[in-house]
Amino acid sequence: MALLKAAQHLTSLHVREALLRAFCVGAQRALRAQRCDLHVLDSAVARRRFKRIGGSCAEGVSGDWDDAGDEMTPLADDPFLAGATDRGASFSRLRVDHGWRLAFQIMHAGRLRWILDVQTDSAVAPATIDGMRTYIHCFERLMANWDYANLDTLTGLLNRKTFDEQFDQLIAVAERARRQDGERRENAEQPQPSWLGIVDIDHFKNINDTWGHLFGDEVLIRLADCMRGSFRSSDKLFRFGGEEFVVMLRNVPADTVAGIFERFRTEVEQHDFPQVGTVTCSIGFAQVDDRLTPAELLGRADSALYYGKEHGRNCTWAYDDLVAAGELASTEATSSAQQDADQYF
């Protein structure tokens, strides 16, 4: 009954991190486990690495619940987990000093993606293990449905539809940061700003016209791979359509953000694209201001991007820097009160 209720709760969730968290919490409570940890495996099977993305125990829930793979640990460091990934069976167990350690395989997109690592005081009944298999199958289907609805089918990045939801979260982070900065609390660590960048492939129409759309699609796929390799797993990466991509960065100091985008631009320039050879991109970015609408913030980043397009391409520009230099006119952020008033006039 506990697993059934947990599965029903999963079906009500639409945010990826919430699905991962609720799945782990539901398993821990249903199994009455000391703790449950969810590990993600490296997408490159040959690397044989894993990362704990979160866990649940009687004391509470912990973790960032971000299942993109960086800062991973070799599976060789945990022989039990290594064995659990090697076995053909979907379930492994090991007798330990204070009970049992269990491992459940979780599939995604046709391969082993996660391991649910469970510690219990006593052995789990076979009927409960069967129930867990059904619960895991429900989770696998929900994650597949989430991908279908929220990921770009060509590149695997987040799609345009998902942007508004993620933007709301980014704005909430920026609003908290602005309020804390305004309070000027002593001895408190000040949150760093968030940023939004737009990436546009230079002369992409010429690539399609010269080499054909198949090679154009390959350029898009390779550029998306470069994005995953250049940015943090916690950064949100979107394909907006065509050759345009959007990046959301959280908690990045103002004096380092340009270097982050520039490193990615250089990575693209140095990448060898099949048949096409060298491909470049232009980037414009702006600091997130919670008083701006999505259209206004995108407009700032877009203005910086097209300044770069008009001044040689293959470059990175910050909106605020261009405004300070007098190259762009400033678009003022409105107050929250003004935003409320705008709804009626």
C-alpha atoms as a PDB file:
ATOM      1  CA  MET A   1       0.000   0.000   0.000  1.00  0.00           C
ATOM      2  CA  ALA A   2       2.852   2.393   0.831  1.00  0.00           C
ATOM      3  CA  LEU A   3       4.463   1.805  -2.577  1.00  0.00           C
ATOM      4  CA  LEU A   4       1.123   2.332  -4.316  1.00  0.00           C
ATOM      5  CA  LYS A   5       0.643   5.679  -2.575  1.00  0.00           C
ATOM      6  CA  ALA A   6       4.218   6.648  -3.432  1.00  0.00           C
ATOM      7  CA  ALA A   7       3.622   5.778  -7.101  1.00  0.00           C
ATOM      8  CA  GLN A   8       0.406   7.807  -7.135  1.00  0.00           C
ATOM      9  CA  HIS A   9       2.291  10.789  -5.729  1.00  0.00           C
ATOM     10  CA  LEU A  10       4.918  10.509  -8.480  1.00  0.00           C
ATOM     11  CA  THR A  11       2.244  10.869 -11.156  1.00  0.00           C
ATOM     12  CA  SER A  12       1.287  14.294  -9.770  1.00  0.00           C
ATOM     13  CA  LEU A  13       4.782  15.771 -10.232  1.00  0.00           C
ATOM     14  CA  HIS A  14       6.119  17.574 -13.297  1.00  0.00           C
ATOM     15  CA  VAL A  15       9.548  18.902 -12.249  1.00  0.00           C
ATOM     16  CA  ARG A  16      12.450  16.525 -12.850  1.00  0.00           C
ATOM     17  CA  GLU A  17      14.231  17.190  -9.557  1.00  0.00           C
ATOM     18  CA  ALA A  18      10.954  16.724  -7.678  1.00  0.00           C
ATOM     19  CA  LEU A  19      10.400  13.356  -9.379  1.00  0.00           C
ATOM     20  CA  LEU A  20      13.857  12.135  -8.396  1.00  0.00           C
ATOM     21  CA  ARG A  21      13.436  13.303  -4.799  1.00  0.00           C
ATOM     22  CA  ALA A  22       9.936  11.866  -4.376  1.00  0.00           C
ATOM     23  CA  PHE A  23      10.967   8.524  -5.869  1.00  0.00           C
ATOM     24  CA  CYS A  24      13.774   8.139  -3.342  1.00  0.00           C
ATOM     25  CA  VAL A  25      11.661   9.308  -0.392  1.00  0.00           C
ATOM     26  CA  GLY A  26       8.822   6.960  -1.361  1.00  0.00           C
ATOM     27  CA  ALA A  27      11.162   3.970  -1.501  1.00  0.00           C
ATOM     28  CA  GLN A  28      12.768   4.804   1.842  1.00  0.00           C
ATOM     29  CA  ARG A  29       9.427   5.071   3.607  1.00  0.00           C
ATOM     30  CA  ALA A  30       7.881   2.009   1.979  1.00  0.00           C
ATOM     31  CA  LEU A  31      10.905  -0.163   2.801  1.00  0.00           C
ATOM     32  CA  ARG A  32      11.260   1.405   6.267  1.00  0.00           C
ATOM     33  CA  ALA A  33      14.916   1.737   5.396  1.00  0.00           C
ATOM     34  CA  GLN A  34      17.618   3.398   7.450  1.00  0.00           C
ATOM     35  CA  ARG A  35      18.398   5.371   4.325  1.00  0.00           C
ATOM     36  CA  CYS A  36      18.026   5.359   0.545  1.00  0.00           C
ATOM     37  CA  ASP A  37      20.532   7.010  -1.778  1.00  0.00           C
ATOM     38  CA  LEU A  38      20.026   7.589  -5.478  1.00  0.00           C
ATOM     39  CA  HIS A  39      23.145   7.406  -7.658  1.00  0.00           C
ATOM     40  CA  VAL A  40      23.415   8.418 -11.296  1.00  0.00           C
ATOM     41  CA  LEU A  41      25.845   6.549 -13.541  1.00  0.00           C
ATOM     42  CA  ASP A  42      28.149   8.190 -16.058  1.00  0.00           C
ATOM     43  CA  SER A  43      26.522   8.392 -19.479  1.00  0.00           C
ATOM     44  CA  ALA A  44      29.788   7.085 -20.980  1.00  0.00           C
ATOM     45  CA  VAL A  45      29.611   3.413 -19.978  1.00  0.00           C
ATOM     46  CA  ALA A  46      33.354   2.887 -20.407  1.00  0.00           C
ATOM     47  CA  ARG A  47      34.140   5.424 -17.670  1.00  0.00           C
ATOM     48  CA  ARG A  48      32.328   3.385 -14.976  1.00  0.00           C
ATOM     49  CA  ARG A  49      31.690   6.246 -12.585  1.00  0.00           C
ATOM     50  CA  PHE A  50      28.798   7.310 -10.387  1.00  0.00           C
ATOM     51  CA  LYS A  51      27.560  10.292  -8.391  1.00  0.00           C
ATOM     52  CA  ARG A  52      25.205  10.441  -5.422  1.00  0.00           C
ATOM     53  CA  ILE A  53      22.527  12.944  -6.333  1.00  0.00           C
ATOM     54  CA  GLY A  54      20.462  12.726  -3.154  1.00  0.00           C
ATOM     55  CA  GLY A  55      19.106  10.576  -0.378  1.00  0.00           C
ATOM     56  CA  SER A  56      16.405  10.085   2.215  1.00  0.00           C
ATOM     57  CA  CYS A  57      16.520   8.832   5.793  1.00  0.00           C
ATOM     58  CA  ALA A  58      14.480   9.136   8.963  1.00  0.00           C
ATOM     59  CA  GLU A  59      16.144  12.478   9.740  1.00  0.00           C
ATOM     60  CA  GLY A  60      15.213  14.071   6.424  1.00  0.00           C
ATOM     61  CA  VAL A  61      16.064  14.489   2.753  1.00  0.00           C
ATOM     62  CA  SER A  62      19.396  15.701   1.375  1.00  0.00           C
ATOM     63  CA  GLY A  63      21.021  16.291  -1.990  1.00  0.00           C
ATOM     64  CA  ASP A  64      20.802  18.633  -4.965  1.00  0.00           C
ATOM     65  CA  TRP A  65      18.832  16.098  -7.051  1.00  0.00           C
ATOM     66  CA  ASP A  66      20.621  17.106 -10.214  1.00  0.00           C
ATOM     67  CA  ASP A  67      21.319  13.961 -12.223  1.00  0.00           C
ATOM     68  CA  ALA A  68      23.625  15.465 -14.831  1.00  0.00           C
ATOM     69  CA  GLY A  69      27.023  13.879 -14.516  1.00  0.00           C
ATOM     70  CA  ASP A  70      30.030  15.763 -13.235  1.00  0.00           C
ATOM     71  CA  GLU A  71      32.284  15.336 -10.176  1.00  0.00           C
ATOM     72  CA  MET A  72      31.828  11.576 -10.345  1.00  0.00           C
ATOM     73  CA  THR A  73      33.421   8.762  -8.321  1.00  0.00           C
ATOM     74  CA  PRO A  74      34.927   5.596  -9.863  1.00  0.00           C
ATOM     75  CA  LEU A  75      32.691   2.563  -9.342  1.00  0.00           C
ATOM     76  CA  ALA A  76      35.807   0.675  -8.278  1.00  0.00           C
ATOM     77  CA  ASP A  77      35.668   2.675  -5.026  1.00  0.00           C
ATOM     78  CA  ASP A  78      32.429   0.857  -4.103  1.00  0.00           C
ATOM     79  CA  PRO A  79      32.654  -2.861  -5.026  1.00  0.00           C
ATOM     80  CA  PHE A  80      29.022  -3.511  -4.108  1.00  0.00           C
ATOM     81  CA  LEU A  81      27.721  -0.826  -6.469  1.00  0.00           C
ATOM     82  CA  ALA A  82      30.147  -1.975  -9.145  1.00  0.00           C
ATOM     83  CA  GLY A  83      28.766  -5.499  -8.843  1.00  0.00           C
ATOM     84  CA  ALA A  84      25.199  -4.215  -8.903  1.00  0.00           C
ATOM     85  CA  THR A  85      25.809  -2.599 -12.293  1.00  0.00           C
ATOM     86  CA  ASP A  86      27.464  -5.728 -13.704  1.00  0.00           C
ATOM     87  CA  ARG A  87      24.734  -8.181 -12.802  1.00  0.00           C
ATOM     88  CA  GLY A  88      22.067  -9.100 -15.316  1.00  0.00           C
ATOM     89  CA  ALA A  89      19.532  -9.118 -12.487  1.00  0.00           C
ATOM     90  CA  SER A  90      17.805  -5.856 -11.605  1.00  0.00           C
ATOM     91  CA  PHE A  91      18.305  -6.399  -7.863  1.00  0.00           C
ATOM     92  CA  SER A  92      21.355  -7.121  -5.661  1.00  0.00           C
ATOM     93  CA  ARG A  93      21.762  -7.552  -1.911  1.00  0.00           C
ATOM     94  CA  LEU A  94      24.601  -7.834   0.597  1.00  0.00           C
ATOM     95  CA  ARG A  95      24.614  -8.786   4.286  1.00  0.00           C
ATOM     96  CA  VAL A  96      26.379  -6.073   6.280  1.00  0.00           C
ATOM     97  CA  ASP A  97      27.154  -5.508   9.965  1.00  0.00           C
ATOM     98  CA  HIS A  98      23.908  -3.771  10.876  1.00  0.00           C
ATOM     99  CA  GLY A  99      21.468  -5.296   8.405  1.00  0.00           C
ATOM    100  CA  TRP A 100      21.277  -5.435   4.630  1.00  0.00           C
ATOM    101  CA  ARG A 101      22.385  -3.333   1.714  1.00  0.00           C
ATOM    102  CA  LEU A 102      20.198  -3.504  -1.397  1.00  0.00           C
ATOM    103  CA  ALA A 103      20.692  -2.132  -4.897  1.00  0.00           C
ATOM    104  CA  PHE A 104      17.990  -1.699  -7.538  1.00  0.00           C
ATOM    105  CA  GLN A 105      18.807  -0.972 -11.175  1.00  0.00           C
ATOM    106  CA  ILE A 106      16.812   1.790 -12.877  1.00  0.00           C
ATOM    107  CA  MET A 107      16.787   2.043 -16.663  1.00  0.00           C
ATOM    108  CA  HIS A 108      16.415   5.126 -18.834  1.00  0.00           C
ATOM    109  CA  ALA A 109      16.532   5.506 -22.624  1.00  0.00           C
ATOM    110  CA  GLY A 110      17.503   1.866 -23.038  1.00  0.00           C
ATOM    111  CA  ARG A 111      20.439   1.807 -20.630  1.00  0.00           C
ATOM    112  CA  LEU A 112      21.206   1.609 -16.937  1.00  0.00           C
ATOM    113  CA  ARG A 113      20.968   5.183 -15.658  1.00  0.00           C
ATOM    114  CA  TRP A 114      20.493   5.108 -11.867  1.00  0.00           C
ATOM    115  CA  ILE A 115      21.097   2.818  -8.889  1.00  0.00           C
ATOM    116  CA  LEU A 116      18.867   3.004  -5.813  1.00  0.00           C
ATOM    117  CA  ASP A 117      21.117   2.158  -2.846  1.00  0.00           C
ATOM    118  CA  VAL A 118      19.125   1.014   0.216  1.00  0.00           C
ATOM    119  CA  GLN A 119      20.229   0.181   3.770  1.00  0.00           C
ATOM    120  CA  THR A 120      17.795  -1.730   6.007  1.00  0.00           C
ATOM    121  CA  ASP A 121      17.906  -3.216   9.512  1.00  0.00           C
ATOM    122  CA  SER A 122      16.367  -6.499   8.391  1.00  0.00           C
ATOM    123  CA  ALA A 123      15.795  -8.566   5.271  1.00  0.00           C
ATOM    124  CA  VAL A 124      13.113  -7.345   2.875  1.00  0.00           C
ATOM    125  CA  ALA A 125      10.328  -9.785   2.008  1.00  0.00           C
ATOM    126  CA  PRO A 126      10.212 -11.140  -1.586  1.00  0.00           C
ATOM    127  CA  ALA A 127       6.739  -9.641  -2.080  1.00  0.00           C
ATOM    128  CA  THR A 128       8.121  -6.207  -1.195  1.00  0.00           C
ATOM    129  CA  ILE A 129      10.974  -6.666  -3.677  1.00  0.00           C
ATOM    130  CA  ASP A 130       8.387  -7.432  -6.366  1.00  0.00           C
ATOM    131  CA  GLY A 131       6.492  -4.308  -5.345  1.00  0.00           C
ATOM    132  CA  MET A 132       9.681  -2.284  -5.686  1.00  0.00           C
ATOM    133  CA  ARG A 133      10.145  -3.568  -9.233  1.00  0.00           C
ATOM    134  CA  THR A 134       6.673  -2.300 -10.129  1.00  0.00           C
ATOM    135  CA  TYR A 135       7.374   1.026  -8.398  1.00  0.00           C
ATOM    136  CA  ILE A 136      10.638   1.391 -10.321  1.00  0.00           C
ATOM    137  CA  HIS A 137       8.900   0.572 -13.604  1.00  0.00           C
ATOM    138  CA  CYS A 138       6.382   3.349 -12.887  1.00  0.00           C
ATOM    139  CA  PHE A 139       9.248   5.774 -12.230  1.00  0.00           C
ATOM    140  CA  GLU A 140      11.025   4.741 -15.442  1.00  0.00           C
ATOM    141  CA  ARG A 141       7.888   5.435 -17.485  1.00  0.00           C
ATOM    142  CA  LEU A 142       7.357   8.813 -15.839  1.00  0.00           C
ATOM    143  CA  MET A 143      10.948   9.874 -16.526  1.00  0.00           C
ATOM    144  CA  ALA A 144      10.615   8.783 -20.161  1.00  0.00           C
ATOM    145  CA  ASN A 145       7.424  10.833 -20.445  1.00  0.00           C
ATOM    146  CA  TRP A 146       9.173  13.812 -18.849  1.00  0.00           C
ATOM    147  CA  ASP A 147      11.963  13.635 -21.418  1.00  0.00           C
ATOM    148  CA  TYR A 148       9.465  13.408 -24.276  1.00  0.00           C
ATOM    149  CA  ALA A 149       7.648  16.506 -23.080  1.00  0.00           C
ATOM    150  CA  ASN A 150      10.603  18.645 -22.012  1.00  0.00           C
ATOM    151  CA  LEU A 151      13.659  17.776 -24.124  1.00  0.00           C
ATOM    152  CA  ASP A 152      14.522  18.774 -27.658  1.00  0.00           C
ATOM    153  CA  THR A 153      14.385  15.574 -29.696  1.00  0.00           C
ATOM    154  CA  LEU A 154      17.495  16.355 -31.764  1.00  0.00           C
ATOM    155  CA  THR A 155      19.968  17.625 -29.159  1.00  0.00           C
ATOM    156  CA  GLY A 156      18.575  16.304 -25.873  1.00  0.00           C
ATOM    157  CA  LEU A 157      18.730  19.791 -24.355  1.00  0.00           C
ATOM    158  CA  LEU A 158      15.746  21.379 -22.626  1.00  0.00           C
ATOM    159  CA  ASN A 159      13.184  22.674 -25.100  1.00  0.00           C
ATOM    160  CA  ARG A 160      11.541  26.072 -25.508  1.00  0.00           C
ATOM    161  CA  LYS A 161       8.384  24.955 -23.687  1.00  0.00           C
ATOM    162  CA  THR A 162      10.371  24.253 -20.524  1.00  0.00           C
ATOM    163  CA  PHE A 163      11.960  27.699 -20.492  1.00  0.00           C
ATOM    164  CA  ASP A 164       9.128  29.535 -18.723  1.00  0.00           C
ATOM    165  CA  GLU A 165       9.109  27.105 -15.784  1.00  0.00           C
ATOM    166  CA  GLN A 166      12.878  27.287 -15.399  1.00  0.00           C
ATOM    167  CA  PHE A 167      12.808  31.064 -15.819  1.00  0.00           C
ATOM    168  CA  ASP A 168      10.406  31.395 -12.881  1.00  0.00           C
ATOM    169  CA  GLN A 169      12.854  29.449 -10.712  1.00  0.00           C
ATOM    170  CA  LEU A 170      15.744  31.620 -11.897  1.00  0.00           C
ATOM    171  CA  ILE A 171      13.789  34.785 -11.101  1.00  0.00           C
ATOM    172  CA  ALA A 172      13.020  33.484  -7.600  1.00  0.00           C
ATOM    173  CA  VAL A 173      16.744  32.959  -6.998  1.00  0.00           C
ATOM    174  CA  ALA A 174      17.535  36.471  -8.285  1.00  0.00           C
ATOM    175  CA  GLU A 175      14.827  38.021  -6.108  1.00  0.00           C
ATOM    176  CA  ARG A 176      16.172  36.342  -2.969  1.00  0.00           C
ATOM    177  CA  ALA A 177      19.683  37.493  -3.839  1.00  0.00           C
ATOM    178  CA  ARG A 178      18.555  41.101  -4.353  1.00  0.00           C
ATOM    179  CA  ARG A 179      16.666  41.194  -1.068  1.00  0.00           C
ATOM    180  CA  GLN A 180      19.549  39.707   0.898  1.00  0.00           C
ATOM    181  CA  ASP A 181      21.951  42.126  -0.722  1.00  0.00           C
ATOM    182  CA  GLY A 182      19.654  45.007   0.230  1.00  0.00           C
ATOM    183  CA  GLU A 183      19.520  43.893   3.851  1.00  0.00           C
ATOM    184  CA  ARG A 184      23.358  44.012   4.034  1.00  0.00           C
ATOM    185  CA  ARG A 185      23.565  41.388   6.730  1.00  0.00           C
ATOM    186  CA  GLU A 186      26.910  41.294   8.442  1.00  0.00           C
ATOM    187  CA  ASN A 187      28.936  38.081   8.377  1.00  0.00           C
ATOM    188  CA  ALA A 188      26.513  36.550   5.898  1.00  0.00           C
ATOM    189  CA  GLU A 189      27.683  35.006   2.670  1.00  0.00           C
ATOM    190  CA  GLN A 190      26.172  37.081  -0.111  1.00  0.00           C
ATOM    191  CA  PRO A 191      24.589  35.109  -2.968  1.00  0.00           C
ATOM    192  CA  GLN A 192      26.117  35.586  -6.388  1.00  0.00           C
ATOM    193  CA  PRO A 193      24.062  36.787  -9.366  1.00  0.00           C
ATOM    194  CA  SER A 194      22.353  34.683 -12.009  1.00  0.00           C
ATOM    195  CA  TRP A 195      22.789  35.121 -15.755  1.00  0.00           C
ATOM    196  CA  LEU A 196      21.062  34.391 -19.037  1.00  0.00           C
ATOM    197  CA  GLY A 197      22.997  33.927 -22.261  1.00  0.00           C
ATOM    198  CA  ILE A 198      21.976  33.393 -25.879  1.00  0.00           C
ATOM    199  CA  VAL A 199      24.209  31.389 -28.220  1.00  0.00           C
ATOM    200  CA  ASP A 200      23.768  31.620 -31.987  1.00  0.00           C
ATOM    201  CA  ILE A 201      25.744  29.609 -34.549  1.00  0.00           C
ATOM    202  CA  ASP A 202      27.449  31.890 -37.067  1.00  0.00           C
ATOM    203  CA  HIS A 203      26.444  31.476 -40.732  1.00  0.00           C
ATOM    204  CA  PHE A 204      24.340  28.398 -39.977  1.00  0.00           C
ATOM    205  CA  LYS A 205      22.217  28.901 -43.102  1.00  0.00           C
ATOM    206  CA  ASN A 206      25.380  28.641 -45.196  1.00  0.00           C
ATOM    207  CA  ILE A 207      26.205  25.344 -43.472  1.00  0.00           C
ATOM    208  CA  ASN A 208      22.796  23.919 -44.393  1.00  0.00           C
ATOM    209  CA  ASP A 209      22.962  25.299 -47.940  1.00  0.00           C
ATOM    210  CA  THR A 210      26.507  23.997 -48.541  1.00  0.00           C
ATOM    211  CA  TRP A 211      26.516  20.634 -46.775  1.00  0.00           C
ATOM    212  CA  GLY A 212      22.841  19.791 -46.388  1.00  0.00           C
ATOM    213  CA  HIS A 213      20.533  19.505 -43.417  1.00  0.00           C
ATOM    214  CA  LEU A 214      21.962  16.195 -42.199  1.00  0.00           C
ATOM    215  CA  PHE A 215      25.330  17.811 -41.563  1.00  0.00           C
ATOM    216  CA  GLY A 216      23.551  20.876 -40.211  1.00  0.00           C
ATOM    217  CA  ASP A 217      21.804  18.648 -37.681  1.00  0.00           C
ATOM    218  CA  GLU A 218      25.148  17.075 -36.793  1.00  0.00           C
ATOM    219  CA  VAL A 219      26.530  20.546 -36.055  1.00  0.00           C
ATOM    220  CA  LEU A 220      23.599  21.198 -33.704  1.00  0.00           C
ATOM    221  CA  ILE A 221      24.151  17.879 -31.926  1.00  0.00           C
ATOM    222  CA  ARG A 222      27.899  18.453 -31.560  1.00  0.00           C
ATOM    223  CA  LEU A 223      27.393  22.003 -30.295  1.00  0.00           C
ATOM    224  CA  ALA A 224      24.937  20.689 -27.687  1.00  0.00           C
ATOM    225  CA  ASP A 225      27.605  18.191 -26.598  1.00  0.00           C
ATOM    226  CA  CYS A 226      30.094  21.056 -26.283  1.00  0.00           C
ATOM    227  CA  MET A 227      27.592  22.878 -24.071  1.00  0.00           C
ATOM    228  CA  ARG A 228      27.246  19.889 -21.748  1.00  0.00           C
ATOM    229  CA  GLY A 229      31.014  19.637 -21.496  1.00  0.00           C
ATOM    230  CA  SER A 230      31.617  23.351 -20.902  1.00  0.00           C
ATOM    231  CA  PHE A 231      28.904  24.282 -18.414  1.00  0.00           C
ATOM    232  CA  ARG A 232      28.113  22.871 -14.977  1.00  0.00           C
ATOM    233  CA  SER A 233      25.545  20.137 -14.513  1.00  0.00           C
ATOM    234  CA  SER A 234      23.424  22.609 -12.523  1.00  0.00           C
ATOM    235  CA  ASP A 235      23.298  25.090 -15.422  1.00  0.00           C
ATOM    236  CA  LYS A 236      20.173  24.928 -17.579  1.00  0.00           C
ATOM    237  CA  LEU A 237      20.751  24.502 -21.313  1.00  0.00           C
ATOM    238  CA  PHE A 238      18.002  25.030 -23.894  1.00  0.00           C
ATOM    239  CA  ARG A 239      17.630  24.752 -27.624  1.00  0.00           C
ATOM    240  CA  PHE A 240      15.285  27.567 -28.577  1.00  0.00           C
ATOM    241  CA  GLY A 241      14.874  26.486 -32.171  1.00  0.00           C
ATOM    242  CA  GLY A 242      16.994  26.564 -35.290  1.00  0.00           C
ATOM    243  CA  GLU A 243      20.571  27.472 -34.425  1.00  0.00           C
ATOM    244  CA  GLU A 244      19.752  29.417 -31.254  1.00  0.00           C
ATOM    245  CA  PHE A 245      20.475  28.153 -27.729  1.00  0.00           C
ATOM    246  CA  VAL A 246      19.922  29.644 -24.277  1.00  0.00           C
ATOM    247  CA  VAL A 247      21.976  29.148 -21.093  1.00  0.00           C
ATOM    248  CA  MET A 248      20.863  29.884 -17.517  1.00  0.00           C
ATOM    249  CA  LEU A 249      23.645  30.236 -14.940  1.00  0.00           C
ATOM    250  CA  ARG A 250      23.053  30.520 -11.206  1.00  0.00           C
ATOM    251  CA  ASN A 251      25.346  31.785  -8.479  1.00  0.00           C
ATOM    252  CA  VAL A 252      28.195  33.018 -10.697  1.00  0.00           C
ATOM    253  CA  PRO A 253      30.342  36.047  -9.714  1.00  0.00           C
ATOM    254  CA  ALA A 254      30.215  38.985 -12.101  1.00  0.00           C
ATOM    255  CA  ASP A 255      33.984  38.903 -12.610  1.00  0.00           C
ATOM    256  CA  THR A 256      33.991  35.285 -13.845  1.00  0.00           C
ATOM    257  CA  VAL A 257      30.849  34.942 -15.961  1.00  0.00           C
ATOM    258  CA  ALA A 258      32.382  36.351 -19.155  1.00  0.00           C
ATOM    259  CA  GLY A 259      35.211  33.831 -18.886  1.00  0.00           C
ATOM    260  CA  ILE A 260      32.705  30.974 -18.611  1.00  0.00           C
ATOM    261  CA  PHE A 261      30.920  31.967 -21.808  1.00  0.00           C
ATOM    262  CA  GLU A 262      34.204  32.726 -23.559  1.00  0.00           C
ATOM    263  CA  ARG A 263      35.574  29.292 -22.657  1.00  0.00           C
ATOM    264  CA  PHE A 264      32.562  27.698 -24.321  1.00  0.00           C
ATOM    265  CA  ARG A 265      32.928  29.895 -27.419  1.00  0.00           C
ATOM    266  CA  THR A 266      36.569  28.831 -27.724  1.00  0.00           C
ATOM    267  CA  GLU A 267      35.610  25.171 -27.272  1.00  0.00           C
ATOM    268  CA  VAL A 268      33.213  25.436 -30.214  1.00  0.00           C
ATOM    269  CA  GLU A 269      35.771  27.235 -32.390  1.00  0.00           C
ATOM    270  CA  GLN A 270      38.390  24.545 -31.728  1.00  0.00           C
ATOM    271  CA  HIS A 271      36.012  21.607 -32.217  1.00  0.00           C
ATOM    272  CA  ASP A 272      36.346  19.616 -35.440  1.00  0.00           C
ATOM    273  CA  PHE A 273      32.839  19.282 -36.866  1.00  0.00           C
ATOM    274  CA  PRO A 274      32.415  16.359 -39.311  1.00  0.00           C
ATOM    275  CA  GLN A 275      32.707  17.428 -42.959  1.00  0.00           C
ATOM    276  CA  VAL A 276      32.008  21.058 -42.053  1.00  0.00           C
ATOM    277  CA  GLY A 277      35.281  21.619 -40.189  1.00  0.00           C
ATOM    278  CA  THR A 278      35.374  24.843 -38.181  1.00  0.00           C
ATOM    279  CA  VAL A 279      32.169  26.315 -36.783  1.00  0.00           C
ATOM    280  CA  THR A 280      31.928  29.456 -34.653  1.00  0.00           C
ATOM    281  CA  CYS A 281      29.223  31.013 -32.523  1.00  0.00           C
ATOM    282  CA  SER A 282      28.341  34.409 -31.105  1.00  0.00           C
ATOM    283  CA  ILE A 283      27.148  34.920 -27.524  1.00  0.00           C
ATOM    284  CA  GLY A 284      25.292  37.683 -25.731  1.00  0.00           C
ATOM    285  CA  PHE A 285      24.452  37.567 -22.033  1.00  0.00           C
ATOM    286  CA  ALA A 286      22.814  39.662 -19.328  1.00  0.00           C
ATOM    287  CA  GLN A 287      22.458  39.563 -15.556  1.00  0.00           C
ATOM    288  CA  VAL A 288      19.107  38.266 -14.331  1.00  0.00           C
ATOM    289  CA  ASP A 289      16.969  40.977 -12.741  1.00  0.00           C
ATOM    290  CA  ASP A 290      13.795  39.739 -11.045  1.00  0.00           C
ATOM    291  CA  ARG A 291      12.023  42.970 -12.061  1.00  0.00           C
ATOM    292  CA  LEU A 292      12.282  42.014 -15.738  1.00  0.00           C
ATOM    293  CA  THR A 293       9.900  39.824 -17.707  1.00  0.00           C
ATOM    294  CA  PRO A 294      11.278  36.863 -19.690  1.00  0.00           C
ATOM    295  CA  ALA A 295      10.891  38.884 -22.903  1.00  0.00           C
ATOM    296  CA  GLU A 296      12.775  41.855 -21.435  1.00  0.00           C
ATOM    297  CA  LEU A 297      15.644  39.748 -20.136  1.00  0.00           C
ATOM    298  CA  LEU A 298      15.908  37.802 -23.374  1.00  0.00           C
ATOM    299  CA  GLY A 299      15.832  41.145 -25.173  1.00  0.00           C
ATOM    300  CA  ARG A 300      18.882  42.348 -23.244  1.00  0.00           C
ATOM    301  CA  ALA A 301      20.871  39.206 -24.012  1.00  0.00           C
ATOM    302  CA  ASP A 302      19.660  39.315 -27.617  1.00  0.00           C
ATOM    303  CA  SER A 303      20.819  42.930 -27.985  1.00  0.00           C
ATOM    304  CA  ALA A 304      24.301  41.926 -26.836  1.00  0.00           C
ATOM    305  CA  LEU A 305      24.255  38.929 -29.180  1.00  0.00           C
ATOM    306  CA  TYR A 306      23.355  40.975 -32.245  1.00  0.00           C
ATOM    307  CA  TYR A 307      25.903  43.607 -31.386  1.00  0.00           C
ATOM    308  CA  GLY A 308      28.428  40.785 -31.688  1.00  0.00           C
ATOM    309  CA  LYS A 309      26.852  39.614 -34.951  1.00  0.00           C
ATOM    310  CA  GLU A 310      27.291  43.112 -36.377  1.00  0.00           C
ATOM    311  CA  HIS A 311      30.874  43.444 -35.131  1.00  0.00           C
ATOM    312  CA  GLY A 312      32.667  40.437 -36.528  1.00  0.00           C
ATOM    313  CA  ARG A 313      30.838  37.421 -35.023  1.00  0.00           C
ATOM    314  CA  ASN A 314      32.656  34.639 -33.104  1.00  0.00           C
ATOM    315  CA  CYS A 315      32.649  36.781 -29.953  1.00  0.00           C
ATOM    316  CA  THR A 316      31.106  37.181 -26.498  1.00  0.00           C
ATOM    317  CA  TRP A 317      29.456  40.378 -25.261  1.00  0.00           C
ATOM    318  CA  ALA A 318      27.814  41.384 -21.981  1.00  0.00           C
ATOM    319  CA  TYR A 319      24.772  43.645 -22.126  1.00  0.00           C
ATOM    320  CA  ASP A 320      25.828  45.735 -19.113  1.00  0.00           C
ATOM    321  CA  ASP A 321      29.319  46.294 -20.552  1.00  0.00           C
ATOM    322  CA  LEU A 322      27.859  47.526 -23.836  1.00  0.00           C
ATOM    323  CA  VAL A 323      25.474  49.884 -22.027  1.00  0.00           C
ATOM    324  CA  ALA A 324      28.316  51.241 -19.895  1.00  0.00           C
ATOM    325  CA  ALA A 325      30.379  51.850 -23.040  1.00  0.00           C
ATOM    326  CA  GLY A 326      27.507  53.685 -24.699  1.00  0.00           C
ATOM    327  CA  GLU A 327      27.142  51.066 -27.430  1.00  0.00           C
ATOM    328  CA  LEU A 328      23.604  50.081 -26.394  1.00  0.00           C
ATOM    329  CA  ALA A 329      20.741  52.026 -24.842  1.00  0.00           C
ATOM    330  CA  SER A 330      19.692  50.835 -21.399  1.00  0.00           C
ATOM    331  CA  THR A 331      16.303  49.223 -20.816  1.00  0.00           C
ATOM    332  CA  GLU A 332      15.315  50.054 -17.259  1.00  0.00           C
ATOM    333  CA  ALA A 333      13.911  47.398 -14.936  1.00  0.00           C
ATOM    334  CA  THR A 334      10.500  48.224 -13.514  1.00  0.00           C
ATOM    335  CA  SER A 335       9.615  47.772  -9.877  1.00  0.00           C
ATOM    336  CA  SER A 336       7.335  44.951  -8.749  1.00  0.00           C
ATOM    337  CA  ALA A 337       4.642  47.557  -8.012  1.00  0.00           C
ATOM    338  CA  GLN A 338       4.938  48.895 -11.554  1.00  0.00           C
ATOM    339  CA  GLN A 339       4.684  45.345 -12.911  1.00  0.00           C
ATOM    340  CA  ASP A 340       1.457  44.873 -10.938  1.00  0.00           C
ATOM    341  CA  ALA A 341       0.103  48.174 -12.254  1.00  0.00           C
ATOM    342  CA  ASP A 342       0.992  47.238 -15.825  1.00  0.00           C
ATOM    343  CA  GLN A 343      -1.455  44.352 -15.626  1.00  0.00           C
ATOM    344  CA  TYR A 344      -4.340  46.833 -15.407  1.00  0.00           C
ATOM    345  CA  PHE A 345      -3.288  49.596 -17.815  1.00  0.00           C
END
